[in-house]
Every structure is written in C-alpha cells, then in structure tokens.
Amino acid sequence: MATPVQTVTRQVRPLLSLNQSEARRRVFNLYRAWVRQIPFILQDYEIPKSDKDLKEKIRGEFMKHANIKDIRVIDMLVIKGQMELKEVAERWKNKGTLMFYFKDTVEPKPTDFLSKFMSGHDP
C-alpha cells in the first residue's frame, strides 16, 4: 500500500526587500553611498588611485553581480556591501586591505621563472 506523495512548498521570508523593485532601489542607494565616499577614501587612505579608478572599481564590483535575480541573495549582498562601506568609512580597514581590491588590475601575475621567484610565487 503506497502513500500519496505530497508536494511541500516552503514560503521563505525576505531579508529586507519585499519585491524586485525595492531590492533594486537598495542596490542603487548602496552604489550612490559608495560613490559619495570616494573623496573621503582618497583623503583618509592616501592610496595612489584617482576618482576615476575608484569609480571604475566600484562599478566593476557591482556589475559582477548584475545577473542575480533572487531577492534574498541581492539583500544579502547589499548587507555585506553596507558592512564593507562602514568598515572603510570608519577606517577599520588598513591601506593594504583596501589596495588588495586592486591587486588584479595593478600588477599582472608573473609568467617567467625569475619574475615568479622575485615576487615570491611558486615556479
């Protein structure tokens, strides 16, 4: 005697946003907050970058996740972005940690043996 199979669906509660447009608004607000923080980042951290470099990097970080459609994932990324912004604004990060975001764009990975040896990479 087989029992009928029941389909169980679970209603998940949203983290912050109730719909796609609200999540989109939160992302734009976070992006604007990051762009407004650029002059203070340059002043506080004294990094060898320009306004344009920072704007491109911030835009690139946001565009990495442009294809995400799940509202809960978007909300989680917004929360992480807000925490990261607070750490930068409050100067809880040091200059080296901030410059780590530019590692791929600043120096390419060494390819020949001597360059790898000098930079400390394994051959």
PDB file of N, CA and C in Angstrom:
ATOM      1  N   MET A   1       0.834  -1.171   0.000  1.00  0.00           N
ATOM      2  CA  MET A   1       0.000   0.000   0.000  1.00  0.00           C
ATOM      3  C   MET A   1       0.890   1.250   0.000  1.00  0.00           C
ATOM      4  N   ALA A   2       0.827   2.003  -1.076  1.00  0.00           N
ATOM      5  CA  ALA A   2       1.670   3.195  -1.237  1.00  0.00           C
ATOM      6  C   ALA A   2       0.927   4.426  -0.728  1.00  0.00           C
ATOM      7  N   THR A   3       1.660   5.310  -0.126  1.00  0.00           N
ATOM      8  CA  THR A   3       1.067   6.563   0.355  1.00  0.00           C
ATOM      9  C   THR A   3       1.208   7.620  -0.727  1.00  0.00           C
ATOM     10  N   PRO A   4       0.247   8.490  -0.844  1.00  0.00           N
ATOM     11  CA  PRO A   4       0.347   9.533  -1.872  1.00  0.00           C
ATOM     12  C   PRO A   4       1.491  10.508  -1.539  1.00  0.00           C
ATOM     13  N   VAL A   5       2.148  10.960  -2.574  1.00  0.00           N
ATOM     14  CA  VAL A   5       3.261  11.890  -2.415  1.00  0.00           C
ATOM     15  C   VAL A   5       2.692  13.303  -2.342  1.00  0.00           C
ATOM     16  N   GLN A   6       3.096  13.998  -1.313  1.00  0.00           N
ATOM     17  CA  GLN A   6       2.637  15.369  -1.167  1.00  0.00           C
ATOM     18  C   GLN A   6       3.765  16.322  -1.556  1.00  0.00           C
ATOM     19  N   THR A   7       3.399  17.355  -2.263  1.00  0.00           N
ATOM     20  CA  THR A   7       4.364  18.379  -2.624  1.00  0.00           C
ATOM     21  C   THR A   7       4.377  19.420  -1.524  1.00  0.00           C
ATOM     22  N   VAL A   8       5.558  19.644  -1.003  1.00  0.00           N
ATOM     23  CA  VAL A   8       5.694  20.606   0.083  1.00  0.00           C
ATOM     24  C   VAL A   8       6.429  21.831  -0.446  1.00  0.00           C
ATOM     25  N   THR A   9       5.815  22.954  -0.303  1.00  0.00           N
ATOM     26  CA  THR A   9       6.489  24.198  -0.660  1.00  0.00           C
ATOM     27  C   THR A   9       6.668  25.014   0.612  1.00  0.00           C
ATOM     28  N   ARG A  10       7.761  25.671   0.653  1.00  0.00           N
ATOM     29  CA  ARG A  10       8.069  26.442   1.846  1.00  0.00           C
ATOM     30  C   ARG A  10       8.121  27.912   1.479  1.00  0.00           C
ATOM     31  N   GLN A  11       7.407  28.696   2.205  1.00  0.00           N
ATOM     32  CA  GLN A  11       7.407  30.135   1.987  1.00  0.00           C
ATOM     33  C   GLN A  11       8.568  30.728   2.773  1.00  0.00           C
ATOM     34  N   VAL A  12       9.501  31.368   2.080  1.00  0.00           N
ATOM     35  CA  VAL A  12      10.646  31.961   2.764  1.00  0.00           C
ATOM     36  C   VAL A  12      10.387  33.447   2.969  1.00  0.00           C
ATOM     37  N   ARG A  13      10.828  33.922   4.098  1.00  0.00           N
ATOM     38  CA  ARG A  13      10.652  35.338   4.403  1.00  0.00           C
ATOM     39  C   ARG A  13      11.776  36.139   3.780  1.00  0.00           C
ATOM     40  N   PRO A  14      11.480  37.319   3.268  1.00  0.00           N
ATOM     41  CA  PRO A  14      12.538  38.154   2.693  1.00  0.00           C
ATOM     42  C   PRO A  14      13.452  38.704   3.784  1.00  0.00           C
ATOM     43  N   LEU A  15      14.700  38.968   3.421  1.00  0.00           N
ATOM     44  CA  LEU A  15      15.632  39.567   4.373  1.00  0.00           C
ATOM     45  C   LEU A  15      15.303  41.046   4.578  1.00  0.00           C
ATOM     46  N   LEU A  16      15.268  41.788   3.496  1.00  0.00           N
ATOM     47  CA  LEU A  16      14.955  43.223   3.574  1.00  0.00           C
ATOM     48  C   LEU A  16      13.854  43.615   2.595  1.00  0.00           C
ATOM     49  N   SER A  17      14.039  43.255   1.336  1.00  0.00           N
ATOM     50  CA  SER A  17      13.155  43.710   0.269  1.00  0.00           C
ATOM     51  C   SER A  17      11.968  42.778   0.083  1.00  0.00           C
ATOM     52  N   LEU A  18      10.838  43.380  -0.230  1.00  0.00           N
ATOM     53  CA  LEU A  18       9.628  42.587  -0.469  1.00  0.00           C
ATOM     54  C   LEU A  18       9.434  42.256  -1.938  1.00  0.00           C
ATOM     55  N   ASN A  19      10.033  43.054  -2.830  1.00  0.00           N
ATOM     56  CA  ASN A  19       9.901  42.789  -4.259  1.00  0.00           C
ATOM     57  C   ASN A  19      11.176  43.221  -4.990  1.00  0.00           C
ATOM     58  N   GLN A  20      11.200  42.957  -6.277  1.00  0.00           N
ATOM     59  CA  GLN A  20      12.390  43.220  -7.093  1.00  0.00           C
ATOM     60  C   GLN A  20      12.727  44.713  -7.162  1.00  0.00           C
ATOM     61  N   SER A  21      11.721  45.553  -7.265  1.00  0.00           N
ATOM     62  CA  SER A  21      11.995  46.995  -7.384  1.00  0.00           C
ATOM     63  C   SER A  21      12.576  47.564  -6.091  1.00  0.00           C
ATOM     64  N   GLU A  22      12.140  47.057  -4.963  1.00  0.00           N
ATOM     65  CA  GLU A  22      12.692  47.510  -3.683  1.00  0.00           C
ATOM     66  C   GLU A  22      14.154  47.060  -3.541  1.00  0.00           C
ATOM     67  N   ALA A  23      14.449  45.846  -3.981  1.00  0.00           N
ATOM     68  CA  ALA A  23      15.832  45.356  -3.942  1.00  0.00           C
ATOM     69  C   ALA A  23      16.712  46.194  -4.867  1.00  0.00           C
ATOM     70  N   ARG A  24      16.197  46.525  -6.028  1.00  0.00           N
ATOM     71  CA  ARG A  24      16.931  47.356  -6.989  1.00  0.00           C
ATOM     72  C   ARG A  24      17.220  48.734  -6.401  1.00  0.00           C
ATOM     73  N   ARG A  25      16.234  49.301  -5.710  1.00  0.00           N
ATOM     74  CA  ARG A  25      16.412  50.610  -5.077  1.00  0.00           C
ATOM     75  C   ARG A  25      17.506  50.545  -4.014  1.00  0.00           C
ATOM     76  N   ARG A  26      17.541  49.467  -3.253  1.00  0.00           N
ATOM     77  CA  ARG A  26      18.576  49.298  -2.222  1.00  0.00           C
ATOM     78  C   ARG A  26      19.976  49.204  -2.841  1.00  0.00           C
ATOM     79  N   VAL A  27      20.078  48.503  -3.959  1.00  0.00           N
ATOM     80  CA  VAL A  27      21.367  48.388  -4.644  1.00  0.00           C
ATOM     81  C   VAL A  27      21.827  49.757  -5.139  1.00  0.00           C
ATOM     82  N   PHE A  28      20.929  50.518  -5.754  1.00  0.00           N
ATOM     83  CA  PHE A  28      21.300  51.850  -6.239  1.00  0.00           C
ATOM     84  C   PHE A  28      21.693  52.781  -5.093  1.00  0.00           C
ATOM     85  N   ASN A  29      20.983  52.694  -3.981  1.00  0.00           N
ATOM     86  CA  ASN A  29      21.332  53.523  -2.826  1.00  0.00           C
ATOM     87  C   ASN A  29      22.717  53.167  -2.279  1.00  0.00           C
ATOM     88  N   LEU A  30      23.020  51.880  -2.237  1.00  0.00           N
ATOM     89  CA  LEU A  30      24.344  51.455  -1.783  1.00  0.00           C
ATOM     90  C   LEU A  30      25.414  51.942  -2.757  1.00  0.00           C
ATOM     91  N   TYR A  31      25.157  51.837  -4.046  1.00  0.00           N
ATOM     92  CA  TYR A  31      26.123  52.306  -5.054  1.00  0.00           C
ATOM     93  C   TYR A  31      26.379  53.806  -4.887  1.00  0.00           C
ATOM     94  N   ARG A  32      25.302  54.565  -4.709  1.00  0.00           N
ATOM     95  CA  ARG A  32      25.458  56.014  -4.512  1.00  0.00           C
ATOM     96  C   ARG A  32      26.262  56.323  -3.255  1.00  0.00           C
ATOM     97  N   ALA A  33      26.024  55.565  -2.186  1.00  0.00           N
ATOM     98  CA  ALA A  33      26.764  55.777  -0.937  1.00  0.00           C
ATOM     99  C   ALA A  33      28.254  55.513  -1.146  1.00  0.00           C
ATOM    100  N   TRP A  34      28.587  54.459  -1.886  1.00  0.00           N
ATOM    101  CA  TRP A  34      29.994  54.169  -2.173  1.00  0.00           C
ATOM    102  C   TRP A  34      30.620  55.292  -2.987  1.00  0.00           C
ATOM    103  N   VAL A  35      29.905  55.773  -4.009  1.00  0.00           N
ATOM    104  CA  VAL A  35      30.457  56.840  -4.854  1.00  0.00           C
ATOM    105  C   VAL A  35      30.625  58.129  -4.047  1.00  0.00           C
ATOM    106  N   ARG A  36      29.701  58.424  -3.145  1.00  0.00           N
ATOM    107  CA  ARG A  36      29.841  59.606  -2.293  1.00  0.00           C
ATOM    108  C   ARG A  36      31.027  59.498  -1.342  1.00  0.00           C
ATOM    109  N   GLN A  37      31.415  58.286  -1.023  1.00  0.00           N
ATOM    110  CA  GLN A  37      32.511  58.059  -0.075  1.00  0.00           C
ATOM    111  C   GLN A  37      33.884  58.170  -0.736  1.00  0.00           C
ATOM    112  N   ILE A  38      33.956  58.184  -2.053  1.00  0.00           N
ATOM    113  CA  ILE A  38      35.238  58.179  -2.769  1.00  0.00           C
ATOM    114  C   ILE A  38      36.183  59.300  -2.338  1.00  0.00           C
ATOM    115  N   PRO A  39      35.758  60.570  -2.270  1.00  0.00           N
ATOM    116  CA  PRO A  39      36.711  61.618  -1.855  1.00  0.00           C
ATOM    117  C   PRO A  39      37.280  61.381  -0.458  1.00  0.00           C
ATOM    118  N   PHE A  40      36.472  60.842   0.435  1.00  0.00           N
ATOM    119  CA  PHE A  40      36.940  60.580   1.791  1.00  0.00           C
ATOM    120  C   PHE A  40      37.904  59.397   1.822  1.00  0.00           C
ATOM    121  N   ILE A  41      37.655  58.406   0.970  1.00  0.00           N
ATOM    122  CA  ILE A  41      38.576  57.264   0.874  1.00  0.00           C
ATOM    123  C   ILE A  41      39.938  57.749   0.409  1.00  0.00           C
ATOM    124  N   LEU A  42      39.943  58.581  -0.639  1.00  0.00           N
ATOM    125  CA  LEU A  42      41.216  59.091  -1.157  1.00  0.00           C
ATOM    126  C   LEU A  42      41.944  59.945  -0.125  1.00  0.00           C
ATOM    127  N   GLN A  43      41.202  60.718   0.633  1.00  0.00           N
ATOM    128  CA  GLN A  43      41.800  61.589   1.638  1.00  0.00           C
ATOM    129  C   GLN A  43      42.305  60.784   2.838  1.00  0.00           C
ATOM    130  N   ASP A  44      41.508  59.863   3.335  1.00  0.00           N
ATOM    131  CA  ASP A  44      41.858  59.126   4.551  1.00  0.00           C
ATOM    132  C   ASP A  44      42.945  58.082   4.333  1.00  0.00           C
ATOM    133  N   TYR A  45      42.864  57.359   3.212  1.00  0.00           N
ATOM    134  CA  TYR A  45      43.780  56.241   2.998  1.00  0.00           C
ATOM    135  C   TYR A  45      45.022  56.619   2.188  1.00  0.00           C
ATOM    136  N   GLU A  46      44.988  57.741   1.508  1.00  0.00           N
ATOM    137  CA  GLU A  46      46.119  58.212   0.691  1.00  0.00           C
ATOM    138  C   GLU A  46      46.614  57.117  -0.251  1.00  0.00           C
ATOM    139  N   ILE A  47      45.703  56.519  -0.983  1.00  0.00           N
ATOM    140  CA  ILE A  47      46.069  55.466  -1.919  1.00  0.00           C
ATOM    141  C   ILE A  47      46.419  56.097  -3.269  1.00  0.00           C
ATOM    142  N   PRO A  48      47.295  55.464  -4.031  1.00  0.00           N
ATOM    143  CA  PRO A  48      47.718  56.033  -5.317  1.00  0.00           C
ATOM    144  C   PRO A  48      46.713  55.766  -6.436  1.00  0.00           C
ATOM    145  N   LYS A  49      45.491  56.161  -6.223  1.00  0.00           N
ATOM    146  CA  LYS A  49      44.427  55.976  -7.209  1.00  0.00           C
ATOM    147  C   LYS A  49      43.684  57.296  -7.393  1.00  0.00           C
ATOM    148  N   SER A  50      42.999  57.419  -8.519  1.00  0.00           N
ATOM    149  CA  SER A  50      42.218  58.624  -8.785  1.00  0.00           C
ATOM    150  C   SER A  50      40.732  58.350  -8.548  1.00  0.00           C
ATOM    151  N   ASP A  51      39.946  59.423  -8.627  1.00  0.00           N
ATOM    152  CA  ASP A  51      38.480  59.278  -8.523  1.00  0.00           C
ATOM    153  C   ASP A  51      37.973  58.291  -9.564  1.00  0.00           C
ATOM    154  N   LYS A  52      38.488  58.442 -10.779  1.00  0.00           N
ATOM    155  CA  LYS A  52      38.031  57.600 -11.881  1.00  0.00           C
ATOM    156  C   LYS A  52      38.351  56.133 -11.624  1.00  0.00           C
ATOM    157  N   ASP A  53      39.551  55.852 -11.110  1.00  0.00           N
ATOM    158  CA  ASP A  53      39.934  54.466 -10.818  1.00  0.00           C
ATOM    159  C   ASP A  53      38.992  53.845  -9.788  1.00  0.00           C
ATOM    160  N   LEU A  54      38.695  54.596  -8.734  1.00  0.00           N
ATOM    161  CA  LEU A  54      37.810  54.073  -7.691  1.00  0.00           C
ATOM    162  C   LEU A  54      36.392  53.864  -8.214  1.00  0.00           C
ATOM    163  N   LYS A  55      35.893  54.802  -9.012  1.00  0.00           N
ATOM    164  CA  LYS A  55      34.549  54.647  -9.575  1.00  0.00           C
ATOM    165  C   LYS A  55      34.467  53.419 -10.462  1.00  0.00           C
ATOM    166  N   GLU A  56      35.511  53.203 -11.285  1.00  0.00           N
ATOM    167  CA  GLU A  56      35.515  52.027 -12.153  1.00  0.00           C
ATOM    168  C   GLU A  56      35.545  50.742 -11.335  1.00  0.00           C
ATOM    169  N   LYS A  57      36.329  50.731 -10.263  1.00  0.00           N
ATOM    170  CA  LYS A  57      36.431  49.529  -9.434  1.00  0.00           C
ATOM    171  C   LYS A  57      35.106  49.252  -8.726  1.00  0.00           C
ATOM    172  N   ILE A  58      34.483  50.295  -8.191  1.00  0.00           N
ATOM    173  CA  ILE A  58      33.192  50.129  -7.513  1.00  0.00           C
ATOM    174  C   ILE A  58      32.145  49.631  -8.505  1.00  0.00           C
ATOM    175  N   ARG A  59      32.114  50.235  -9.682  1.00  0.00           N
ATOM    176  CA  ARG A  59      31.160  49.809 -10.704  1.00  0.00           C
ATOM    177  C   ARG A  59      31.412  48.356 -11.105  1.00  0.00           C
ATOM    178  N   GLY A  60      32.669  47.996 -11.245  1.00  0.00           N
ATOM    179  CA  GLY A  60      33.015  46.622 -11.594  1.00  0.00           C
ATOM    180  C   GLY A  60      32.562  45.629 -10.540  1.00  0.00           C
ATOM    181  N   GLU A  61      32.729  45.989  -9.267  1.00  0.00           N
ATOM    182  CA  GLU A  61      32.291  45.104  -8.184  1.00  0.00           C
ATOM    183  C   GLU A  61      30.776  44.929  -8.200  1.00  0.00           C
ATOM    184  N   PHE A  62      30.051  46.005  -8.508  1.00  0.00           N
ATOM    185  CA  PHE A  62      28.590  45.899  -8.577  1.00  0.00           C
ATOM    186  C   PHE A  62      28.164  45.105  -9.814  1.00  0.00           C
ATOM    187  N   MET A  63      28.868  45.299 -10.925  1.00  0.00           N
ATOM    188  CA  MET A  63      28.487  44.615 -12.157  1.00  0.00           C
ATOM    189  C   MET A  63      28.788  43.119 -12.115  1.00  0.00           C
ATOM    190  N   LYS A  64      29.669  42.689 -11.219  1.00  0.00           N
ATOM    191  CA  LYS A  64      29.934  41.253 -11.058  1.00  0.00           C
ATOM    192  C   LYS A  64      28.655  40.498 -10.724  1.00  0.00           C
ATOM    193  N   HIS A  65      27.758  41.161 -10.006  1.00  0.00           N
ATOM    194  CA  HIS A  65      26.543  40.516  -9.521  1.00  0.00           C
ATOM    195  C   HIS A  65      25.290  41.024 -10.228  1.00  0.00           C
ATOM    196  N   ALA A  66      25.460  41.589 -11.419  1.00  0.00           N
ATOM    197  CA  ALA A  66      24.324  42.174 -12.136  1.00  0.00           C
ATOM    198  C   ALA A  66      23.303  41.139 -12.589  1.00  0.00           C
ATOM    199  N   ASN A  67      23.717  39.892 -12.750  1.00  0.00           N
ATOM    200  CA  ASN A  67      22.794  38.875 -13.271  1.00  0.00           C
ATOM    201  C   ASN A  67      22.012  38.156 -12.182  1.00  0.00           C
ATOM    202  N   ILE A  68      22.178  38.523 -10.938  1.00  0.00           N
ATOM    203  CA  ILE A  68      21.476  37.852  -9.837  1.00  0.00           C
ATOM    204  C   ILE A  68      20.040  38.368  -9.767  1.00  0.00           C
ATOM    205  N   LYS A  69      19.099  37.448  -9.716  1.00  0.00           N
ATOM    206  CA  LYS A  69      17.678  37.811  -9.706  1.00  0.00           C
ATOM    207  C   LYS A  69      16.987  37.467  -8.387  1.00  0.00           C
ATOM    208  N   ASP A  70      17.573  36.599  -7.579  1.00  0.00           N
ATOM    209  CA  ASP A  70      16.966  36.179  -6.319  1.00  0.00           C
ATOM    210  C   ASP A  70      17.028  37.334  -5.310  1.00  0.00           C
ATOM    211  N   ILE A  71      15.886  37.754  -4.816  1.00  0.00           N
ATOM    212  CA  ILE A  71      15.800  38.918  -3.925  1.00  0.00           C
ATOM    213  C   ILE A  71      16.570  38.680  -2.637  1.00  0.00           C
ATOM    214  N   ARG A  72      16.531  37.469  -2.107  1.00  0.00           N
ATOM    215  CA  ARG A  72      17.248  37.190  -0.852  1.00  0.00           C
ATOM    216  C   ARG A  72      18.757  37.282  -1.048  1.00  0.00           C
ATOM    217  N   VAL A  73      19.251  36.833  -2.172  1.00  0.00           N
ATOM    218  CA  VAL A  73      20.687  36.924  -2.451  1.00  0.00           C
ATOM    219  C   VAL A  73      21.083  38.390  -2.644  1.00  0.00           C
ATOM    220  N   ILE A  74      20.254  39.138  -3.347  1.00  0.00           N
ATOM    221  CA  ILE A  74      20.528  40.571  -3.533  1.00  0.00           C
ATOM    222  C   ILE A  74      20.577  41.271  -2.181  1.00  0.00           C
ATOM    223  N   ASP A  75      19.614  40.980  -1.318  1.00  0.00           N
ATOM    224  CA  ASP A  75      19.594  41.589   0.013  1.00  0.00           C
ATOM    225  C   ASP A  75      20.839  41.226   0.819  1.00  0.00           C
ATOM    226  N   MET A  76      21.262  39.966   0.723  1.00  0.00           N
ATOM    227  CA  MET A  76      22.461  39.544   1.444  1.00  0.00           C
ATOM    228  C   MET A  76      23.690  40.296   0.934  1.00  0.00           C
ATOM    229  N   LEU A  77      23.802  40.471  -0.380  1.00  0.00           N
ATOM    230  CA  LEU A  77      24.932  41.208  -0.945  1.00  0.00           C
ATOM    231  C   LEU A  77      24.883  42.678  -0.556  1.00  0.00           C
ATOM    232  N   VAL A  78      23.687  43.253  -0.480  1.00  0.00           N
ATOM    233  CA  VAL A  78      23.552  44.647  -0.046  1.00  0.00           C
ATOM    234  C   VAL A  78      23.998  44.788   1.407  1.00  0.00           C
ATOM    235  N   ILE A  79      23.614  43.857   2.247  1.00  0.00           N
ATOM    236  CA  ILE A  79      24.028  43.901   3.654  1.00  0.00           C
ATOM    237  C   ILE A  79      25.543  43.812   3.762  1.00  0.00           C
ATOM    238  N   LYS A  80      26.146  42.888   3.003  1.00  0.00           N
ATOM    239  CA  LYS A  80      27.608  42.771   3.014  1.00  0.00           C
ATOM    240  C   LYS A  80      28.269  44.050   2.492  1.00  0.00           C
ATOM    241  N   GLY A  81      27.691  44.644   1.460  1.00  0.00           N
ATOM    242  CA  GLY A  81      28.226  45.892   0.914  1.00  0.00           C
ATOM    243  C   GLY A  81      28.131  47.030   1.913  1.00  0.00           C
ATOM    244  N   GLN A  82      27.041  47.078   2.674  1.00  0.00           N
ATOM    245  CA  GLN A  82      26.901  48.103   3.701  1.00  0.00           C
ATOM    246  C   GLN A  82      27.917  47.908   4.814  1.00  0.00           C
ATOM    247  N   MET A  83      28.159  46.657   5.189  1.00  0.00           N
ATOM    248  CA  MET A  83      29.168  46.382   6.219  1.00  0.00           C
ATOM    249  C   MET A  83      30.552  46.786   5.728  1.00  0.00           C
ATOM    250  N   GLU A  84      30.843  46.483   4.481  1.00  0.00           N
ATOM    251  CA  GLU A  84      32.143  46.840   3.893  1.00  0.00           C
ATOM    252  C   GLU A  84      32.305  48.361   3.840  1.00  0.00           C
ATOM    253  N   LEU A  85      31.247  49.062   3.456  1.00  0.00           N
ATOM    254  CA  LEU A  85      31.291  50.522   3.404  1.00  0.00           C
ATOM    255  C   LEU A  85      31.526  51.102   4.788  1.00  0.00           C
ATOM    256  N   LYS A  86      30.871  50.563   5.786  1.00  0.00           N
ATOM    257  CA  LYS A  86      31.068  51.044   7.158  1.00  0.00           C
ATOM    258  C   LYS A  86      32.508  50.824   7.611  1.00  0.00           C
ATOM    259  N   GLU A  87      33.072  49.663   7.270  1.00  0.00           N
ATOM    260  CA  GLU A  87      34.460  49.388   7.639  1.00  0.00           C
ATOM    261  C   GLU A  87      35.417  50.382   6.980  1.00  0.00           C
ATOM    262  N   VAL A  88      35.151  50.723   5.732  1.00  0.00           N
ATOM    263  CA  VAL A  88      36.006  51.681   5.030  1.00  0.00           C
ATOM    264  C   VAL A  88      35.801  53.086   5.586  1.00  0.00           C
ATOM    265  N   ALA A  89      34.547  53.475   5.801  1.00  0.00           N
ATOM    266  CA  ALA A  89      34.249  54.827   6.278  1.00  0.00           C
ATOM    267  C   ALA A  89      34.778  55.064   7.690  1.00  0.00           C
ATOM    268  N   GLU A  90      34.722  54.052   8.528  1.00  0.00           N
ATOM    269  CA  GLU A  90      35.190  54.195   9.906  1.00  0.00           C
ATOM    270  C   GLU A  90      36.692  53.953  10.040  1.00  0.00           C
ATOM    271  N   ARG A  91      37.347  53.663   8.909  1.00  0.00           N
ATOM    272  CA  ARG A  91      38.794  53.392   8.865  1.00  0.00           C
ATOM    273  C   ARG A  91      39.174  52.167   9.684  1.00  0.00           C
ATOM    274  N   TRP A  92      38.321  51.163   9.676  1.00  0.00           N
ATOM    275  CA  TRP A  92      38.628  49.907  10.348  1.00  0.00           C
ATOM    276  C   TRP A  92      39.502  49.032   9.459  1.00  0.00           C
ATOM    277  N   LYS A  93      39.540  49.341   8.175  1.00  0.00           N
ATOM    278  CA  LYS A  93      40.415  48.628   7.245  1.00  0.00           C
ATOM    279  C   LYS A  93      41.721  49.403   7.139  1.00  0.00           C
ATOM    280  N   ASN A  94      42.802  48.683   6.887  1.00  0.00           N
ATOM    281  CA  ASN A  94      44.050  49.395   6.657  1.00  0.00           C
ATOM    282  C   ASN A  94      44.266  49.576   5.158  1.00  0.00           C
ATOM    283  N   LYS A  95      45.286  50.346   4.811  1.00  0.00           N
ATOM    284  CA  LYS A  95      45.540  50.689   3.422  1.00  0.00           C
ATOM    285  C   LYS A  95      45.813  49.449   2.576  1.00  0.00           C
ATOM    286  N   GLY A  96      46.553  48.496   3.125  1.00  0.00           N
ATOM    287  CA  GLY A  96      46.876  47.283   2.384  1.00  0.00           C
ATOM    288  C   GLY A  96      45.651  46.465   2.035  1.00  0.00           C
ATOM    289  N   THR A  97      44.714  46.377   2.965  1.00  0.00           N
ATOM    290  CA  THR A  97      43.480  45.628   2.717  1.00  0.00           C
ATOM    291  C   THR A  97      42.662  46.302   1.623  1.00  0.00           C
ATOM    292  N   LEU A  98      42.645  47.621   1.636  1.00  0.00           N
ATOM    293  CA  LEU A  98      41.904  48.356   0.617  1.00  0.00           C
ATOM    294  C   LEU A  98      42.572  48.202  -0.750  1.00  0.00           C
ATOM    295  N   MET A  99      43.890  48.223  -0.776  1.00  0.00           N
ATOM    296  CA  MET A  99      44.610  48.083  -2.046  1.00  0.00           C
ATOM    297  C   MET A  99      44.516  46.667  -2.607  1.00  0.00           C
ATOM    298  N   PHE A 100      44.175  45.700  -1.763  1.00  0.00           N
ATOM    299  CA  PHE A 100      44.039  44.318  -2.235  1.00  0.00           C
ATOM    300  C   PHE A 100      42.966  44.208  -3.315  1.00  0.00           C
ATOM    301  N   TYR A 101      41.955  45.074  -3.289  1.00  0.00           N
ATOM    302  CA  TYR A 101      40.922  45.054  -4.322  1.00  0.00           C
ATOM    303  C   TYR A 101      41.500  45.369  -5.696  1.00  0.00           C
ATOM    304  N   PHE A 102      42.615  46.097  -5.736  1.00  0.00           N
ATOM    305  CA  PHE A 102      43.222  46.489  -6.997  1.00  0.00           C
ATOM    306  C   PHE A 102      44.340  45.542  -7.423  1.00  0.00           C
ATOM    307  N   LYS A 103      44.544  44.464  -6.706  1.00  0.00           N
ATOM    308  CA  LYS A 103      45.667  43.559  -6.980  1.00  0.00           C
ATOM    309  C   LYS A 103      45.648  43.043  -8.411  1.00  0.00           C
ATOM    310  N   ASP A 104      44.525  42.606  -8.915  1.00  0.00           N
ATOM    311  CA  ASP A 104      44.452  42.081 -10.277  1.00  0.00           C
ATOM    312  C   ASP A 104      44.718  43.157 -11.319  1.00  0.00           C
ATOM    313  N   THR A 105      44.321  44.383 -11.044  1.00  0.00           N
ATOM    314  CA  THR A 105      44.465  45.442 -12.028  1.00  0.00           C
ATOM    315  C   THR A 105      45.807  46.158 -11.931  1.00  0.00           C
ATOM    316  N   VAL A 106      46.483  46.081 -10.788  1.00  0.00           N
ATOM    317  CA  VAL A 106      47.727  46.819 -10.618  1.00  0.00           C
ATOM    318  C   VAL A 106      48.899  46.074 -11.219  1.00  0.00           C
ATOM    319  N   GLU A 107      49.118  44.859 -10.816  1.00  0.00           N
ATOM    320  CA  GLU A 107      50.256  44.116 -11.332  1.00  0.00           C
ATOM    321  C   GLU A 107      49.811  42.764 -11.857  1.00  0.00           C
ATOM    322  N   PRO A 108      50.180  42.462 -13.092  1.00  0.00           N
ATOM    323  CA  PRO A 108      49.820  41.148 -13.623  1.00  0.00           C
ATOM    324  C   PRO A 108      50.646  40.062 -12.951  1.00  0.00           C
ATOM    325  N   LYS A 109      50.127  38.853 -12.976  1.00  0.00           N
ATOM    326  CA  LYS A 109      50.840  37.735 -12.376  1.00  0.00           C
ATOM    327  C   LYS A 109      52.082  37.428 -13.203  1.00  0.00           C
ATOM    328  N   PRO A 110      53.191  37.144 -12.527  1.00  0.00           N
ATOM    329  CA  PRO A 110      54.423  36.854 -13.258  1.00  0.00           C
ATOM    330  C   PRO A 110      54.324  35.535 -14.036  1.00  0.00           C
ATOM    331  N   THR A 111      54.990  35.493 -15.178  1.00  0.00           N
ATOM    332  CA  THR A 111      54.929  34.299 -16.019  1.00  0.00           C
ATOM    333  C   THR A 111      56.267  33.578 -16.116  1.00  0.00           C
ATOM    334  N   ASP A 112      57.366  34.322 -16.104  1.00  0.00           N
ATOM    335  CA  ASP A 112      58.656  33.645 -16.225  1.00  0.00           C
ATOM    336  C   ASP A 112      59.220  33.321 -14.843  1.00  0.00           C
ATOM    337  N   PHE A 113      60.222  32.449 -14.809  1.00  0.00           N
ATOM    338  CA  PHE A 113      60.755  31.936 -13.549  1.00  0.00           C
ATOM    339  C   PHE A 113      61.304  33.040 -12.662  1.00  0.00           C
ATOM    340  N   LEU A 114      62.114  33.918 -13.216  1.00  0.00           N
ATOM    341  CA  LEU A 114      62.760  34.940 -12.405  1.00  0.00           C
ATOM    342  C   LEU A 114      61.742  35.905 -11.787  1.00  0.00           C
ATOM    343  N   SER A 115      60.729  36.280 -12.542  1.00  0.00           N
ATOM    344  CA  SER A 115      59.688  37.162 -12.008  1.00  0.00           C
ATOM    345  C   SER A 115      58.908  36.486 -10.902  1.00  0.00           C
ATOM    346  N   LYS A 116      58.605  35.205 -11.072  1.00  0.00           N
ATOM    347  CA  LYS A 116      57.902  34.461 -10.036  1.00  0.00           C
ATOM    348  C   LYS A 116      58.762  34.353  -8.774  1.00  0.00           C
ATOM    349  N   PHE A 117      60.054  34.099  -8.974  1.00  0.00           N
ATOM    350  CA  PHE A 117      60.976  33.985  -7.847  1.00  0.00           C
ATOM    351  C   PHE A 117      61.058  35.296  -7.077  1.00  0.00           C
ATOM    352  N   MET A 118      61.155  36.396  -7.783  1.00  0.00           N
ATOM    353  CA  MET A 118      61.295  37.710  -7.139  1.00  0.00           C
ATOM    354  C   MET A 118      60.009  38.128  -6.416  1.00  0.00           C
ATOM    355  N   SER A 119      58.863  37.707  -6.919  1.00  0.00           N
ATOM    356  CA  SER A 119      57.602  38.084  -6.275  1.00  0.00           C
ATOM    357  C   SER A 119      57.173  37.098  -5.194  1.00  0.00           C
ATOM    358  N   GLY A 120      57.877  35.954  -5.088  1.00  0.00           N
ATOM    359  CA  GLY A 120      57.575  35.004  -4.037  1.00  0.00           C
ATOM    360  C   GLY A 120      56.600  33.917  -4.426  1.00  0.00           C
ATOM    361  N   HIS A 121      56.246  33.820  -5.700  1.00  0.00           N
ATOM    362  CA  HIS A 121      55.331  32.770  -6.166  1.00  0.00           C
ATOM    363  C   HIS A 121      56.106  31.479  -6.399  1.00  0.00           C
ATOM    364  N   ASP A 122      55.383  30.382  -6.346  1.00  0.00           N
ATOM    365  CA  ASP A 122      55.990  29.095  -6.666  1.00  0.00           C
ATOM    366  C   ASP A 122      56.203  28.996  -8.170  1.00  0.00           C
ATOM    367  N   PRO A 123      57.271  28.351  -8.610  1.00  0.00           N
ATOM    368  CA  PRO A 123      57.524  28.258 -10.064  1.00  0.00           C
ATOM    369  C   PRO A 123      56.606  27.355 -10.778  1.00  0.00           C
TER     370      PRO A 123
END
